[in-house]
Amino acid sequence: MLQRTRPTERYARGLAAAVVAATSLILASNACPARAVDDRPAHDVQTGADQDTTPRAPGHHTG
C-alpha cells in the first residue's frame, strides 16, 4: 500500500523538477550556434578574410 507523502516533500520534488526542466531548456537553447545574418561563411565574418590584403607599395593609398 502506498504511503502518503508530506506536502513539503511534494513541493521539494516539484521544485527540483522545475529547476531540472529550466536548466534543460537553457542548455538546449545554447546547444547550436545562431545563423549568420549575411550570406558569408562564419569564418569570413570573424576573420575578415574577404577583405583585400594585397601588399601595397609604400606611400600607395587607396580610397
Protein backbone atom coordinates (compact mmCIF):
# COMPACT_ATOMS: atom_id res chain seq x y z
CA MET A 1 0.00 0.00 0.00
CA LEU A 2 1.24 3.49 -0.84
CA GLN A 3 2.21 5.83 1.96
CA ARG A 4 1.13 9.44 1.96
CA THR A 5 3.93 11.91 1.37
CA ARG A 6 4.28 15.11 3.30
CA PRO A 7 3.38 18.33 1.50
CA THR A 8 6.92 19.69 1.94
CA GLU A 9 8.33 16.61 0.26
CA ARG A 10 5.95 17.01 -2.69
CA TYR A 11 6.83 20.70 -3.03
CA ALA A 12 10.54 19.90 -2.87
CA ARG A 13 10.18 17.32 -5.64
CA GLY A 14 8.17 19.76 -7.73
CA LEU A 15 10.75 22.49 -7.25
CA ALA A 16 13.57 20.12 -8.16
CA ALA A 17 11.70 19.05 -11.31
CA ALA A 18 11.15 22.70 -12.28
CA VAL A 19 14.86 23.50 -11.82
CA VAL A 20 15.86 20.50 -13.94
CA ALA A 21 13.36 21.46 -16.65
CA ALA A 22 14.52 25.09 -16.77
CA THR A 23 18.18 24.04 -16.85
CA SER A 24 17.48 21.60 -19.68
CA LEU A 25 15.74 24.28 -21.72
CA ILE A 26 18.59 26.75 -21.21
CA LEU A 27 21.22 24.19 -22.19
CA ALA A 28 19.21 23.11 -25.24
CA SER A 29 18.83 26.69 -26.44
CA ASN A 30 22.62 27.16 -26.31
CA ALA A 31 23.41 23.81 -27.95
CA CYS A 32 23.69 25.07 -31.53
CA PRO A 33 25.13 28.35 -32.81
CA ALA A 34 22.88 31.01 -34.28
CA ARG A 35 22.79 31.50 -38.02
CA ALA A 36 24.83 34.27 -39.59
CA VAL A 37 22.88 37.32 -40.72
CA ASP A 38 24.63 37.68 -44.07
CA ASP A 39 25.48 35.04 -46.66
CA ARG A 40 29.21 34.89 -45.96
CA PRO A 41 30.53 31.83 -44.11
CA ALA A 42 31.05 32.40 -40.39
CA HIS A 43 34.88 32.19 -40.59
CA ASP A 44 34.97 35.05 -43.12
CA VAL A 45 32.81 37.23 -40.91
CA GLN A 46 35.02 36.70 -37.87
CA THR A 47 38.44 36.93 -39.51
CA GLY A 48 37.68 39.42 -42.26
CA ALA A 49 39.19 37.04 -44.83
CA ASP A 50 37.11 38.60 -47.60
CA GLN A 51 38.93 41.94 -47.25
CA ASP A 52 41.65 42.94 -49.67
CA THR A 53 45.01 42.05 -48.10
CA THR A 54 47.15 42.65 -51.18
CA PRO A 55 50.53 44.14 -50.23
CA ARG A 56 50.89 47.73 -51.43
CA ALA A 57 53.91 49.79 -52.22
CA PRO A 58 54.89 52.32 -49.53
CA GLY A 59 53.05 55.58 -50.00
CA HIS A 60 50.26 53.95 -52.04
CA HIS A 61 46.87 54.94 -50.68
CA THR A 62 43.52 53.54 -51.70
CA GLY A 63 40.24 55.30 -51.42
